[in-house]
């Protein structure tokens, strides 16, 4: 009888913990981070619960995200510490989570330290390098520029000093000076794919899409598997109105990174501009498959479907004024 009661109590605790964790996920998705954190804490306190202990690293990561969303950066960092303790080789956590949270606190030294560790663990990830450069520049653009002016005066062939000064100029919006510094880095390190990437972005922000495309071509020559560069080159082609080349680049970006939603979003918009609403809808379907909570994808898919339907109506009856007005309103919303 005692064993039976023990099993029933254990089962109830596990069930209660399961319910708490289910509530945690609901509150977290709804943006009620205080309730999400409270339920996670209670579920963890319960003990004897397989559900809460399964994938513990992911649970700390999710609670850390909830703390970060509500601006409680110290608690978020504490949870990310646990994530890193459980899986110290997880460069993504160093980069996107703890390093980013330190940066939001204004603790740039610790942020840079995390990014350095991430780069050591995952040296080919350009986004980590980009994040570190951005944090270096954000500390104080003018001070960073002043410091690197002195570094360059003392060491005129210091490629890193030109790169970081260029990044500070770019963050200030002074793209001409940024491009000048990046060009100096290319002179010193002509096979550095990352610097072509940075200069290409600066050209794109100036609206010089041909020069941006030329630099992205160099990145792809040096790093042909870099999905993000295909994405950026596709964006430059799209800005020029060269939709076929843009779609071709997004195809390649998606082939290399099939779960990168942003490429599907941009490609869907390009398909729509070409009037290919079936393909645009297909891309929206893929976004929803990857992220069923992406409300943007549902809304934009509904608009694409409506445009396709109204165009079908007008092919049948070109004089249908109701359909024509509705179609014009929808297209106006899409601009």
Protein backbone atom coordinates (compact mmCIF):
# COMPACT_ATOMS: atom_id res chain seq x y z
CA UNK A 1 0.00 0.00 0.00
CA UNK A 2 2.86 2.37 0.87
CA UNK A 3 4.51 1.74 -2.52
CA UNK A 4 1.24 2.47 -4.31
CA UNK A 5 0.80 5.80 -2.44
CA UNK A 6 4.43 6.71 -3.19
CA UNK A 7 3.95 6.04 -6.91
CA UNK A 8 0.72 8.06 -7.00
CA UNK A 9 2.43 11.01 -5.25
CA UNK A 10 5.40 10.81 -7.57
CA UNK A 11 3.13 10.69 -10.61
CA UNK A 12 1.19 13.71 -9.34
CA UNK A 13 4.42 15.70 -8.82
CA UNK A 14 5.57 14.84 -12.31
CA UNK A 15 2.18 15.76 -13.75
CA UNK A 16 2.15 19.04 -11.82
CA UNK A 17 5.65 19.84 -13.05
CA UNK A 18 4.62 19.00 -16.60
CA UNK A 19 1.62 21.34 -16.32
CA UNK A 20 3.83 24.11 -14.95
CA UNK A 21 6.28 23.70 -17.80
CA UNK A 22 3.46 23.73 -20.35
CA UNK A 23 2.21 26.96 -18.75
CA UNK A 24 5.76 28.33 -18.90
CA UNK A 25 5.93 27.79 -22.67
CA UNK A 26 2.47 29.38 -23.11
CA UNK A 27 3.35 32.48 -21.10
CA UNK A 28 6.74 32.79 -22.81
CA UNK A 29 5.12 32.72 -26.26
CA UNK A 30 2.49 35.24 -25.17
CA UNK A 31 5.17 37.63 -23.91
CA UNK A 32 4.10 37.30 -20.24
CA UNK A 33 7.69 36.84 -19.08
CA UNK A 34 7.01 37.26 -15.35
CA UNK A 35 4.51 34.38 -15.38
CA UNK A 36 6.81 32.30 -17.58
CA UNK A 37 9.73 32.78 -15.17
CA UNK A 38 7.54 32.04 -12.14
CA UNK A 39 6.29 28.78 -13.64
CA UNK A 40 9.78 27.70 -14.67
CA UNK A 41 11.09 28.36 -11.15
CA UNK A 42 8.25 26.38 -9.58
CA UNK A 43 8.70 23.49 -12.01
CA UNK A 44 12.42 23.38 -11.24
CA UNK A 45 11.70 23.47 -7.47
CA UNK A 46 9.30 20.52 -7.67
CA UNK A 47 12.04 17.91 -8.10
CA UNK A 48 11.46 14.31 -9.22
CA UNK A 49 10.34 15.55 -12.62
CA UNK A 50 11.72 14.14 -15.78
CA UNK A 51 9.98 16.74 -17.92
CA UNK A 52 11.71 19.76 -16.43
CA UNK A 53 15.08 18.03 -16.34
CA UNK A 54 14.93 16.88 -19.96
CA UNK A 55 16.95 19.21 -22.14
CA UNK A 56 17.83 21.32 -19.10
CA UNK A 57 20.17 23.45 -21.17
CA UNK A 58 17.30 24.49 -23.44
CA UNK A 59 15.15 25.38 -20.43
CA UNK A 60 17.84 27.68 -19.00
CA UNK A 61 18.24 29.20 -22.45
CA UNK A 62 14.50 29.88 -22.72
CA UNK A 63 14.27 31.36 -19.23
CA UNK A 64 17.34 33.48 -19.96
CA UNK A 65 15.60 34.74 -23.08
CA UNK A 66 12.54 35.63 -20.99
CA UNK A 67 14.67 37.57 -18.50
CA UNK A 68 16.47 39.35 -21.35
CA UNK A 69 13.16 40.33 -22.99
CA UNK A 70 11.99 42.03 -19.78
CA UNK A 71 15.34 43.79 -19.34
CA UNK A 72 16.59 41.75 -16.37
CA UNK A 73 20.04 41.28 -17.88
CA UNK A 74 21.77 40.03 -14.72
CA UNK A 75 19.30 37.16 -14.33
CA UNK A 76 19.55 36.42 -18.06
CA UNK A 77 23.35 36.24 -17.83
CA UNK A 78 23.06 33.92 -14.82
CA UNK A 79 20.93 31.52 -16.86
CA UNK A 80 23.23 31.78 -19.88
CA UNK A 81 26.12 30.91 -17.53
CA UNK A 82 24.30 27.65 -16.80
CA UNK A 83 23.79 27.03 -20.51
CA UNK A 84 27.49 27.49 -21.12
CA UNK A 85 28.40 25.33 -18.11
CA UNK A 86 26.26 22.52 -19.50
CA UNK A 87 27.65 22.90 -23.03
CA UNK A 88 30.81 25.07 -23.01
CA UNK A 89 31.50 24.49 -26.69
CA UNK A 90 28.22 26.16 -27.70
CA UNK A 91 29.57 29.19 -29.60
CA UNK A 92 26.06 30.28 -30.58
CA UNK A 93 25.22 30.86 -26.92
CA UNK A 94 28.41 32.86 -26.36
CA UNK A 95 27.61 35.01 -29.36
CA UNK A 96 23.88 35.56 -29.55
CA UNK A 97 22.96 35.29 -25.92
CA UNK A 98 25.47 36.11 -23.21
CA UNK A 99 27.72 38.37 -25.29
CA UNK A 100 24.73 40.27 -26.65
CA UNK A 101 23.29 40.63 -23.15
CA UNK A 102 26.55 41.99 -21.76
CA UNK A 103 26.55 44.51 -24.63
CA UNK A 104 22.98 45.61 -23.77
CA UNK A 105 24.15 46.20 -20.19
CA UNK A 106 26.98 48.34 -21.51
CA UNK A 107 29.54 45.81 -20.25
CA UNK A 108 31.53 45.84 -23.48
CA UNK A 109 34.65 44.18 -22.10
CA UNK A 110 32.78 41.03 -21.11
CA UNK A 111 30.80 41.14 -24.36
CA UNK A 112 34.01 41.26 -26.40
CA UNK A 113 35.50 38.48 -24.27
CA UNK A 114 32.50 36.25 -25.09
CA UNK A 115 32.72 37.09 -28.78
CA UNK A 116 36.45 36.28 -28.76
CA UNK A 117 35.70 32.87 -27.26
CA UNK A 118 32.95 32.29 -29.82
CA UNK A 119 35.34 33.19 -32.66
CA UNK A 120 37.90 30.74 -31.24
CA UNK A 121 35.27 27.97 -31.22
CA UNK A 122 33.67 28.86 -34.54
CA UNK A 123 36.19 30.89 -36.55
CA UNK A 124 34.27 30.75 -39.86
CA UNK A 125 31.08 32.37 -38.51
CA UNK A 126 31.13 35.89 -39.95
CA UNK A 127 28.20 37.00 -37.82
CA UNK A 128 30.23 36.61 -34.61
CA UNK A 129 33.01 38.77 -36.06
CA UNK A 130 30.39 41.32 -37.17
CA UNK A 131 28.87 41.41 -33.66
CA UNK A 132 32.28 41.92 -32.04
CA UNK A 133 33.18 44.72 -34.44
CA UNK A 134 29.83 46.39 -33.78
CA UNK A 135 30.34 46.25 -30.00
CA UNK A 136 33.89 47.60 -30.36
CA UNK A 137 32.54 50.53 -32.36
CA UNK A 138 29.51 51.14 -30.13
CA UNK A 139 31.52 51.92 -27.04
CA UNK A 140 32.07 55.48 -28.26
CA UNK A 141 32.46 56.05 -31.98
CA UNK A 142 34.54 59.19 -31.68
CA UNK A 143 36.78 57.71 -28.99
CA UNK A 144 37.26 54.50 -31.01
CA UNK A 145 38.19 56.58 -34.07
CA UNK A 146 40.57 58.72 -32.02
CA UNK A 147 42.23 55.64 -30.47
CA UNK A 148 42.74 53.97 -33.83
CA UNK A 149 44.05 57.20 -35.36
CA UNK A 150 46.87 56.95 -32.85
CA UNK A 151 47.34 53.23 -33.46
CA UNK A 152 47.60 53.81 -37.21
CA UNK A 153 50.04 56.70 -36.67
CA UNK A 154 52.32 54.35 -34.72
CA UNK A 155 51.63 51.24 -36.82
CA UNK A 156 50.59 52.33 -40.33
CA UNK A 157 50.23 48.74 -41.56
CA UNK A 158 47.94 47.54 -38.76
CA UNK A 159 45.06 46.02 -40.73
CA UNK A 160 42.88 45.44 -37.63
CA UNK A 161 43.13 49.12 -36.69
CA UNK A 162 41.89 50.19 -40.13
CA UNK A 163 39.09 47.62 -39.99
CA UNK A 164 37.86 48.67 -36.57
CA UNK A 165 38.15 52.39 -37.36
CA UNK A 166 36.24 51.72 -40.57
CA UNK A 167 33.53 49.92 -38.60
CA UNK A 168 33.22 52.90 -36.25
CA UNK A 169 32.89 55.25 -39.25
CA UNK A 170 30.24 52.94 -40.73
CA UNK A 171 28.25 52.90 -37.48
CA UNK A 172 28.34 56.71 -37.52
CA UNK A 173 27.01 56.67 -41.09
CA UNK A 174 30.22 58.07 -42.60
CA UNK A 175 30.41 55.42 -45.33
CA UNK A 176 33.02 57.15 -47.49
CA UNK A 177 35.58 57.10 -44.67
CA UNK A 178 34.58 53.54 -43.80
CA UNK A 179 35.14 52.45 -47.41
CA UNK A 180 38.51 54.21 -47.45
CA UNK A 181 39.61 52.30 -44.33
CA UNK A 182 38.30 48.98 -45.63
CA UNK A 183 40.20 49.57 -48.88
CA UNK A 184 43.38 49.99 -46.86
CA UNK A 185 42.72 46.63 -45.19
CA UNK A 186 42.25 45.00 -48.61
CA UNK A 187 45.59 46.45 -49.69
CA UNK A 188 47.20 44.84 -46.64
CA UNK A 189 45.16 41.60 -46.60
CA UNK A 190 43.76 41.02 -50.11
CA UNK A 191 42.48 37.52 -49.30
CA UNK A 192 40.43 38.54 -46.25
CA UNK A 193 36.84 37.71 -47.21
CA UNK A 194 35.38 39.52 -44.21
CA UNK A 195 36.71 42.93 -45.25
CA UNK A 196 35.11 42.64 -48.71
CA UNK A 197 31.90 41.81 -46.86
CA UNK A 198 32.15 44.96 -44.73
CA UNK A 199 33.02 47.18 -47.68
CA UNK A 200 30.18 45.68 -49.71
CA UNK A 201 27.73 46.55 -46.91
CA UNK A 202 29.06 50.13 -46.80
CA UNK A 203 28.64 50.49 -50.58
CA UNK A 204 25.09 49.09 -50.33
CA UNK A 205 24.16 51.56 -47.59
CA UNK A 206 25.42 54.37 -49.86
CA UNK A 207 23.20 53.04 -52.65
CA UNK A 208 26.18 51.99 -54.81
CA UNK A 209 24.80 48.53 -55.51
CA UNK A 210 27.16 47.71 -58.39
CA UNK A 211 30.20 48.18 -56.15
CA UNK A 212 28.47 46.22 -53.38
CA UNK A 213 27.82 43.33 -55.77
CA UNK A 214 31.45 43.42 -56.91
CA UNK A 215 32.64 43.07 -53.30
CA UNK A 216 30.13 40.31 -52.55
CA UNK A 217 31.46 38.48 -55.62
CA UNK A 218 34.90 38.53 -53.99
CA UNK A 219 33.51 37.16 -50.72
CA UNK A 220 31.82 34.31 -52.62
CA UNK A 221 35.04 33.60 -54.52
CA UNK A 222 36.91 33.30 -51.23
CA UNK A 223 34.09 31.66 -49.23
CA UNK A 224 31.65 30.01 -51.64
CA UNK A 225 29.60 28.43 -48.83
CA UNK A 226 28.76 31.72 -47.07
CA UNK A 227 24.96 31.83 -47.23
CA UNK A 228 24.70 35.34 -45.76
CA UNK A 229 26.74 36.84 -48.60
CA UNK A 230 24.39 35.31 -51.19
CA UNK A 231 21.54 36.86 -49.20
CA UNK A 232 23.20 40.30 -49.23
CA UNK A 233 24.09 40.11 -52.91
CA UNK A 234 20.51 39.09 -53.65
CA UNK A 235 19.33 42.13 -51.72
CA UNK A 236 21.62 44.37 -53.81
CA UNK A 237 20.32 42.85 -57.04
CA UNK A 238 16.74 43.38 -55.84
CA UNK A 239 17.45 47.04 -55.04
CA UNK A 240 18.65 47.41 -58.66
CA UNK A 241 15.44 45.80 -59.91
CA UNK A 242 17.33 42.72 -61.15
CA UNK A 243 14.84 40.26 -59.68
CA UNK A 244 16.00 37.16 -61.56
CA UNK A 245 19.55 37.40 -60.22
CA UNK A 246 18.18 38.25 -56.79
CA UNK A 247 16.02 35.12 -56.74
CA UNK A 248 18.95 33.03 -57.93
CA UNK A 249 21.03 34.28 -54.98
CA UNK A 250 18.25 33.65 -52.49
CA UNK A 251 17.88 30.14 -53.92
CA UNK A 252 21.55 29.53 -53.15
CA UNK A 253 21.32 31.11 -49.68
CA UNK A 254 18.39 28.82 -48.86
CA UNK A 255 20.22 25.78 -50.25
CA UNK A 256 23.12 26.53 -47.90
CA UNK A 257 20.94 27.52 -44.92
CA UNK A 258 17.50 25.96 -45.48
CA UNK A 259 16.09 27.16 -42.14
CA UNK A 260 16.98 30.84 -42.53
CA UNK A 261 13.53 32.42 -42.57
CA UNK A 262 14.68 35.87 -43.64
CA UNK A 263 15.76 34.63 -47.09
CA UNK A 264 12.30 33.15 -47.65
CA UNK A 265 10.70 36.45 -46.56
CA UNK A 266 12.72 38.55 -49.01
CA UNK A 267 12.35 36.05 -51.84
CA UNK A 268 8.58 35.95 -51.30
CA UNK A 269 8.47 39.75 -51.71
CA UNK A 270 10.49 39.57 -54.92
CA UNK A 271 8.23 36.87 -56.35
CA UNK A 272 5.26 39.13 -55.56
CA UNK A 273 6.88 42.07 -57.37
CA UNK A 274 7.28 39.80 -60.40
CA UNK A 275 3.60 38.85 -60.13
CA UNK A 276 4.44 35.22 -59.24
CA UNK A 277 2.06 34.92 -56.29
CA UNK A 278 2.08 31.12 -56.27
CA UNK A 279 5.81 31.11 -55.55
CA UNK A 280 5.40 33.91 -52.99
CA UNK A 281 2.70 31.90 -51.22
CA UNK A 282 4.94 28.82 -51.30
CA UNK A 283 7.70 30.77 -49.53
CA UNK A 284 5.21 31.97 -46.92
CA UNK A 285 4.18 28.35 -46.36
CA UNK A 286 7.82 27.46 -45.75
CA UNK A 287 8.22 30.30 -43.24
CA UNK A 288 5.14 29.07 -41.37
CA UNK A 289 6.50 25.51 -41.40
CA UNK A 290 9.73 26.77 -39.82
CA UNK A 291 7.96 29.11 -37.40
CA UNK A 292 4.23 28.43 -36.89
CA UNK A 293 4.00 31.56 -34.70
CA UNK A 294 5.20 33.96 -37.42
CA UNK A 295 2.09 36.13 -37.74
CA UNK A 296 3.71 38.24 -40.49
CA UNK A 297 3.85 35.18 -42.75
CA UNK A 298 0.16 34.40 -42.23
CA UNK A 299 -0.85 38.01 -42.96
CA UNK A 300 1.30 38.40 -46.04
CA UNK A 301 0.24 34.98 -47.37
CA UNK A 302 -3.40 36.03 -47.04
CA UNK A 303 -2.69 39.21 -49.03
CA UNK A 304 -0.86 37.27 -51.76
CA UNK A 305 -3.75 34.81 -52.01
CA UNK A 306 -6.26 37.66 -52.17
CA UNK A 307 -4.29 39.44 -54.92
CA UNK A 308 -4.09 36.22 -56.93
CA UNK A 309 -7.84 35.66 -56.52
CA UNK A 310 -8.79 39.22 -57.50
CA UNK A 311 -6.57 39.02 -60.57
CA UNK A 312 -8.33 35.79 -61.53
CA UNK A 313 -11.69 37.53 -61.13
CA UNK A 314 -10.57 40.39 -63.37
CA UNK A 315 -9.34 37.99 -66.04
CA UNK A 316 -12.83 36.53 -66.10
CA UNK A 317 -14.63 39.88 -65.80
CA UNK A 318 -12.41 42.93 -66.47
CA UNK A 319 -15.32 45.24 -65.58
CA UNK A 320 -15.73 44.02 -62.00
CA UNK A 321 -15.13 47.33 -60.20
CA UNK A 322 -15.35 45.81 -56.71
CA UNK A 323 -12.53 43.38 -57.47
CA UNK A 324 -10.49 46.10 -59.17
CA UNK A 325 -10.81 48.48 -56.21
CA UNK A 326 -9.95 45.73 -53.73
CA UNK A 327 -6.93 44.74 -55.80
CA UNK A 328 -5.67 48.33 -56.00
CA UNK A 329 -6.06 48.74 -52.23
CA UNK A 330 -4.16 45.52 -51.55
CA UNK A 331 -1.30 46.46 -53.87
CA UNK A 332 -1.13 49.89 -52.26
CA UNK A 333 -0.74 48.21 -48.87
CA UNK A 334 2.11 46.06 -50.21
CA UNK A 335 4.23 49.01 -51.36
